[in-house]
């Protein structure tokens, strides 16, 4: 039953990420076509709650999706099973969320990470 739940969660995160990915690609295309510099982009995202929420949600969805994928690969290609497999999945998800949150703060908070 746990594997089925993870399967459904992974598919749900994929569906929820599709519009975020498309929006992200449109933004990248727009920025590169109009010649906006990295400094210009950061000046537009700094202090923006909207961008923080957008990329924060994106980070959480990607972390959950990716961690379940890593668990699936480990289950298929290694002897790991049970609690250890799940622990690796949760640790990997927490690591991705932590790194992603740091990136979101750097891009959306005024002054970033103190740089």
N, C-alpha and C. Protein backbone atom coordinates (compact mmCIF):
# COMPACT_ATOMS: atom_id res chain seq x y z
N UNK A 1 0.81 -1.19 0.00
CA UNK A 1 0.00 0.00 0.00
C UNK A 1 0.87 1.27 0.00
N UNK A 2 1.99 1.24 0.73
CA UNK A 2 2.90 2.38 0.79
C UNK A 2 3.45 2.69 -0.59
N UNK A 3 3.86 1.65 -1.34
CA UNK A 3 4.39 1.86 -2.68
C UNK A 3 3.35 2.49 -3.59
N UNK A 4 2.10 2.08 -3.46
CA UNK A 4 1.03 2.66 -4.27
C UNK A 4 0.83 4.13 -3.93
N UNK A 5 0.88 4.46 -2.66
CA UNK A 5 0.74 5.87 -2.26
C UNK A 5 1.88 6.71 -2.83
N UNK A 6 3.09 6.18 -2.74
CA UNK A 6 4.23 6.92 -3.29
C UNK A 6 4.09 7.08 -4.80
N UNK A 7 3.60 6.05 -5.48
CA UNK A 7 3.37 6.11 -6.92
C UNK A 7 2.39 7.25 -7.25
N UNK A 8 1.30 7.31 -6.51
CA UNK A 8 0.29 8.35 -6.74
C UNK A 8 0.86 9.73 -6.42
N UNK A 9 1.59 9.84 -5.32
CA UNK A 9 2.18 11.13 -4.95
C UNK A 9 3.16 11.60 -6.02
N UNK A 10 3.97 10.67 -6.53
CA UNK A 10 4.94 11.06 -7.55
C UNK A 10 4.23 11.54 -8.82
N UNK A 11 3.16 10.86 -9.21
CA UNK A 11 2.42 11.29 -10.39
C UNK A 11 1.74 12.63 -10.16
N UNK A 12 1.23 12.84 -8.95
CA UNK A 12 0.57 14.11 -8.62
C UNK A 12 1.58 15.26 -8.64
N UNK A 13 2.76 15.04 -8.07
CA UNK A 13 3.77 16.11 -8.09
C UNK A 13 4.19 16.42 -9.52
N UNK A 14 4.26 15.40 -10.37
CA UNK A 14 4.61 15.64 -11.77
C UNK A 14 3.55 16.51 -12.44
N UNK A 15 2.28 16.19 -12.22
CA UNK A 15 1.21 16.98 -12.83
C UNK A 15 1.20 18.42 -12.33
N UNK A 16 1.45 18.59 -11.04
CA UNK A 16 1.46 19.93 -10.47
C UNK A 16 2.67 20.74 -10.93
N UNK A 17 3.77 20.06 -11.24
CA UNK A 17 4.97 20.78 -11.70
C UNK A 17 4.87 21.23 -13.15
N UNK A 18 4.04 20.60 -13.96
CA UNK A 18 3.99 20.94 -15.38
C UNK A 18 3.74 22.43 -15.62
N UNK A 19 2.72 23.04 -15.02
CA UNK A 19 2.55 24.48 -15.28
C UNK A 19 3.68 25.33 -14.71
N UNK A 20 4.28 24.89 -13.62
CA UNK A 20 5.41 25.64 -13.06
C UNK A 20 6.62 25.56 -13.98
N UNK A 21 6.86 24.39 -14.53
CA UNK A 21 7.97 24.21 -15.47
C UNK A 21 7.75 25.06 -16.72
N UNK A 22 6.53 25.03 -17.24
CA UNK A 22 6.24 25.83 -18.43
C UNK A 22 6.42 27.32 -18.15
N UNK A 23 5.94 27.79 -17.01
CA UNK A 23 6.11 29.20 -16.65
C UNK A 23 7.59 29.53 -16.51
N UNK A 24 8.35 28.66 -15.88
CA UNK A 24 9.78 28.87 -15.70
C UNK A 24 10.48 28.96 -17.07
N UNK A 25 10.14 28.08 -17.98
CA UNK A 25 10.75 28.10 -19.31
C UNK A 25 10.38 29.36 -20.08
N UNK A 26 9.13 29.80 -19.96
CA UNK A 26 8.72 31.04 -20.62
C UNK A 26 9.51 32.22 -20.06
N UNK A 27 9.69 32.25 -18.76
CA UNK A 27 10.46 33.33 -18.13
C UNK A 27 11.91 33.31 -18.61
N UNK A 28 12.50 32.13 -18.66
CA UNK A 28 13.88 32.02 -19.14
C UNK A 28 13.98 32.49 -20.60
N UNK A 29 13.04 32.04 -21.43
CA UNK A 29 13.03 32.45 -22.83
C UNK A 29 12.90 33.96 -22.95
N UNK A 30 11.98 34.55 -22.20
CA UNK A 30 11.79 35.99 -22.23
C UNK A 30 13.06 36.72 -21.79
N UNK A 31 13.65 36.26 -20.71
CA UNK A 31 14.85 36.93 -20.18
C UNK A 31 16.01 36.86 -21.17
N UNK A 32 16.19 35.71 -21.81
CA UNK A 32 17.30 35.58 -22.75
C UNK A 32 17.04 36.35 -24.04
N UNK A 33 15.79 36.41 -24.47
CA UNK A 33 15.48 37.12 -25.72
C UNK A 33 15.52 38.63 -25.56
N UNK A 34 15.25 39.11 -24.36
CA UNK A 34 15.25 40.56 -24.14
C UNK A 34 16.57 41.06 -23.57
N UNK A 35 17.48 40.15 -23.29
CA UNK A 35 18.80 40.55 -22.82
C UNK A 35 18.85 41.00 -21.37
N UNK A 36 17.90 40.57 -20.57
CA UNK A 36 17.92 40.94 -19.16
C UNK A 36 19.11 40.24 -18.50
N UNK A 37 19.88 41.00 -17.75
CA UNK A 37 21.06 40.44 -17.07
C UNK A 37 20.63 39.72 -15.80
N UNK A 38 21.55 38.96 -15.24
CA UNK A 38 21.28 38.29 -13.96
C UNK A 38 20.96 39.33 -12.89
N UNK A 39 21.68 40.43 -12.91
CA UNK A 39 21.41 41.51 -11.96
C UNK A 39 19.99 42.06 -12.14
N UNK A 40 19.57 42.20 -13.38
CA UNK A 40 18.22 42.68 -13.66
C UNK A 40 17.15 41.72 -13.17
N UNK A 41 17.40 40.44 -13.36
CA UNK A 41 16.46 39.42 -12.88
C UNK A 41 16.37 39.46 -11.36
N UNK A 42 17.52 39.49 -10.71
CA UNK A 42 17.53 39.50 -9.25
C UNK A 42 16.89 40.76 -8.68
N UNK A 43 17.04 41.87 -9.38
CA UNK A 43 16.40 43.10 -8.88
C UNK A 43 14.89 43.00 -8.98
N UNK A 44 14.39 42.21 -9.91
CA UNK A 44 12.93 42.03 -10.05
C UNK A 44 12.38 41.00 -9.08
N UNK A 45 13.18 40.02 -8.71
CA UNK A 45 12.68 38.97 -7.81
C UNK A 45 12.91 39.31 -6.34
N UNK A 46 13.87 40.18 -6.04
CA UNK A 46 14.19 40.51 -4.65
C UNK A 46 12.98 41.17 -3.98
N UNK A 47 12.62 40.64 -2.83
CA UNK A 47 11.51 41.19 -2.06
C UNK A 47 10.14 40.78 -2.56
N UNK A 48 10.07 39.87 -3.50
CA UNK A 48 8.80 39.46 -4.08
C UNK A 48 8.24 38.21 -3.40
N UNK A 49 7.15 38.38 -2.68
CA UNK A 49 6.49 37.24 -2.06
C UNK A 49 5.95 36.28 -3.12
N UNK A 50 5.46 36.82 -4.21
CA UNK A 50 4.93 35.98 -5.30
C UNK A 50 5.96 35.01 -5.85
N UNK A 51 7.16 35.54 -6.15
CA UNK A 51 8.23 34.68 -6.66
C UNK A 51 8.71 33.69 -5.60
N UNK A 52 8.73 34.13 -4.36
CA UNK A 52 9.14 33.23 -3.27
C UNK A 52 8.17 32.06 -3.16
N UNK A 53 6.87 32.34 -3.25
CA UNK A 53 5.87 31.27 -3.18
C UNK A 53 5.98 30.38 -4.41
N UNK A 54 6.07 30.99 -5.59
CA UNK A 54 6.17 30.22 -6.84
C UNK A 54 7.34 29.24 -6.78
N UNK A 55 8.52 29.75 -6.49
CA UNK A 55 9.70 28.88 -6.47
C UNK A 55 9.75 28.00 -5.23
N UNK A 56 9.17 28.44 -4.13
CA UNK A 56 9.10 27.59 -2.94
C UNK A 56 8.24 26.36 -3.19
N UNK A 57 7.09 26.55 -3.81
CA UNK A 57 6.22 25.42 -4.16
C UNK A 57 6.94 24.51 -5.15
N UNK A 58 7.59 25.12 -6.13
CA UNK A 58 8.34 24.37 -7.14
C UNK A 58 9.40 23.48 -6.46
N UNK A 59 10.13 24.04 -5.52
CA UNK A 59 11.18 23.31 -4.81
C UNK A 59 10.60 22.12 -4.06
N UNK A 60 9.52 22.33 -3.33
CA UNK A 60 8.94 21.24 -2.54
C UNK A 60 8.42 20.13 -3.46
N UNK A 61 7.72 20.50 -4.52
CA UNK A 61 7.22 19.49 -5.46
C UNK A 61 8.36 18.71 -6.10
N UNK A 62 9.39 19.41 -6.54
CA UNK A 62 10.54 18.74 -7.18
C UNK A 62 11.27 17.84 -6.19
N UNK A 63 11.40 18.29 -4.95
CA UNK A 63 12.10 17.49 -3.93
C UNK A 63 11.35 16.21 -3.63
N UNK A 64 10.05 16.31 -3.46
CA UNK A 64 9.23 15.12 -3.18
C UNK A 64 9.28 14.18 -4.37
N UNK A 65 9.08 14.73 -5.56
CA UNK A 65 9.10 13.92 -6.78
C UNK A 65 10.45 13.20 -6.96
N UNK A 66 11.52 13.96 -6.80
CA UNK A 66 12.85 13.39 -6.98
C UNK A 66 13.21 12.36 -5.93
N UNK A 67 12.83 12.62 -4.68
CA UNK A 67 13.15 11.67 -3.61
C UNK A 67 12.42 10.34 -3.80
N UNK A 68 11.18 10.41 -4.25
CA UNK A 68 10.44 9.17 -4.53
C UNK A 68 11.11 8.44 -5.69
N UNK A 69 11.56 9.18 -6.68
CA UNK A 69 12.26 8.57 -7.81
C UNK A 69 13.55 7.89 -7.39
N UNK A 70 14.32 8.53 -6.51
CA UNK A 70 15.55 7.92 -6.01
C UNK A 70 15.22 6.64 -5.24
N UNK A 71 14.17 6.68 -4.42
CA UNK A 71 13.75 5.48 -3.68
C UNK A 71 13.41 4.35 -4.65
N UNK A 72 12.69 4.69 -5.72
CA UNK A 72 12.30 3.67 -6.71
C UNK A 72 13.52 3.05 -7.38
N UNK A 73 14.48 3.88 -7.76
CA UNK A 73 15.69 3.36 -8.39
C UNK A 73 16.46 2.47 -7.42
N UNK A 74 16.60 2.93 -6.17
CA UNK A 74 17.31 2.12 -5.17
C UNK A 74 16.60 0.80 -4.92
N UNK A 75 15.28 0.82 -4.91
CA UNK A 75 14.51 -0.42 -4.68
C UNK A 75 14.71 -1.41 -5.83
N UNK A 76 14.80 -0.89 -7.05
CA UNK A 76 14.96 -1.75 -8.21
C UNK A 76 16.40 -2.23 -8.41
N UNK A 77 17.38 -1.43 -8.00
CA UNK A 77 18.77 -1.73 -8.33
C UNK A 77 19.66 -2.07 -7.14
N UNK A 78 19.10 -2.07 -5.94
CA UNK A 78 19.92 -2.40 -4.78
C UNK A 78 19.17 -3.36 -3.87
N UNK A 79 19.88 -3.94 -2.92
CA UNK A 79 19.20 -4.85 -1.98
C UNK A 79 18.44 -4.12 -0.86
N UNK A 80 18.49 -2.79 -0.85
CA UNK A 80 17.83 -2.03 0.22
C UNK A 80 16.32 -2.24 0.20
N UNK A 81 15.75 -2.35 1.38
CA UNK A 81 14.30 -2.52 1.53
C UNK A 81 13.85 -1.88 2.83
N UNK A 82 12.56 -1.70 2.96
CA UNK A 82 11.94 -1.30 4.22
C UNK A 82 12.35 0.07 4.72
N UNK A 83 12.58 0.13 6.02
CA UNK A 83 12.82 1.38 6.71
C UNK A 83 14.06 2.13 6.22
N UNK A 84 15.12 1.41 5.89
CA UNK A 84 16.33 2.06 5.41
C UNK A 84 16.07 2.77 4.08
N UNK A 85 15.34 2.12 3.20
CA UNK A 85 14.99 2.70 1.91
C UNK A 85 14.16 3.98 2.11
N UNK A 86 13.20 3.90 3.01
CA UNK A 86 12.36 5.08 3.29
C UNK A 86 13.17 6.18 3.96
N UNK A 87 14.08 5.82 4.85
CA UNK A 87 14.92 6.82 5.52
C UNK A 87 15.77 7.57 4.50
N UNK A 88 16.34 6.86 3.54
CA UNK A 88 17.13 7.51 2.49
C UNK A 88 16.26 8.47 1.70
N UNK A 89 15.04 8.04 1.39
CA UNK A 89 14.11 8.89 0.64
C UNK A 89 13.82 10.19 1.41
N UNK A 90 13.50 10.06 2.69
CA UNK A 90 13.17 11.24 3.49
C UNK A 90 14.38 12.16 3.68
N UNK A 91 15.54 11.58 3.88
CA UNK A 91 16.76 12.39 4.03
C UNK A 91 17.07 13.13 2.73
N UNK A 92 16.93 12.44 1.62
CA UNK A 92 17.18 13.06 0.32
C UNK A 92 16.18 14.19 0.08
N UNK A 93 14.91 13.97 0.40
CA UNK A 93 13.89 15.01 0.23
C UNK A 93 14.22 16.22 1.12
N UNK A 94 14.60 15.97 2.35
CA UNK A 94 14.94 17.06 3.28
C UNK A 94 16.15 17.84 2.76
N UNK A 95 17.15 17.15 2.24
CA UNK A 95 18.33 17.80 1.69
C UNK A 95 17.95 18.69 0.50
N UNK A 96 17.14 18.16 -0.40
CA UNK A 96 16.71 18.95 -1.56
C UNK A 96 15.88 20.15 -1.15
N UNK A 97 14.99 19.97 -0.19
CA UNK A 97 14.17 21.09 0.28
C UNK A 97 15.05 22.14 0.93
N UNK A 98 16.01 21.72 1.72
CA UNK A 98 16.92 22.67 2.37
C UNK A 98 17.73 23.46 1.37
N UNK A 99 18.31 22.77 0.40
CA UNK A 99 19.11 23.46 -0.63
C UNK A 99 18.23 24.37 -1.49
N UNK A 100 17.04 23.87 -1.83
CA UNK A 100 16.12 24.67 -2.63
C UNK A 100 15.64 25.90 -1.90
N UNK A 101 15.34 25.73 -0.61
CA UNK A 101 14.88 26.87 0.19
C UNK A 101 15.97 27.93 0.27
N UNK A 102 17.20 27.49 0.38
CA UNK A 102 18.33 28.43 0.42
C UNK A 102 18.41 29.22 -0.89
N UNK A 103 18.20 28.53 -1.99
CA UNK A 103 18.23 29.20 -3.30
C UNK A 103 17.07 30.19 -3.42
N UNK A 104 15.88 29.80 -2.96
CA UNK A 104 14.72 30.69 -3.02
C UNK A 104 14.98 31.95 -2.19
N UNK A 105 15.54 31.77 -1.01
CA UNK A 105 15.86 32.93 -0.15
C UNK A 105 16.88 33.82 -0.86
N UNK A 106 17.89 33.22 -1.46
CA UNK A 106 18.94 34.00 -2.12
C UNK A 106 18.38 34.84 -3.27
N UNK A 107 17.37 34.33 -3.95
CA UNK A 107 16.84 35.01 -5.12
C UNK A 107 15.70 35.96 -4.79
N UNK A 108 14.95 35.69 -3.73
CA UNK A 108 13.74 36.48 -3.48
C UNK A 108 13.80 37.41 -2.28
N UNK A 109 14.70 37.19 -1.37
CA UNK A 109 14.77 38.07 -0.20
C UNK A 109 15.65 39.27 -0.48
N UNK A 110 15.23 40.44 -0.04
CA UNK A 110 16.10 41.62 -0.26
C UNK A 110 17.47 41.38 0.35
N UNK A 111 18.49 41.56 -0.44
CA UNK A 111 19.85 41.32 0.03
C UNK A 111 20.27 39.87 -0.08
N UNK A 112 19.37 38.99 -0.52
CA UNK A 112 19.69 37.58 -0.69
C UNK A 112 20.20 36.93 0.58
N UNK A 113 21.35 36.33 0.48
CA UNK A 113 21.97 35.66 1.64
C UNK A 113 23.11 36.51 2.21
N UNK A 114 22.95 37.79 2.10
CA UNK A 114 23.97 38.68 2.67
C UNK A 114 25.05 39.07 1.69
N UNK A 115 24.82 38.83 0.41
CA UNK A 115 25.83 39.21 -0.59
C UNK A 115 25.61 40.60 -1.08
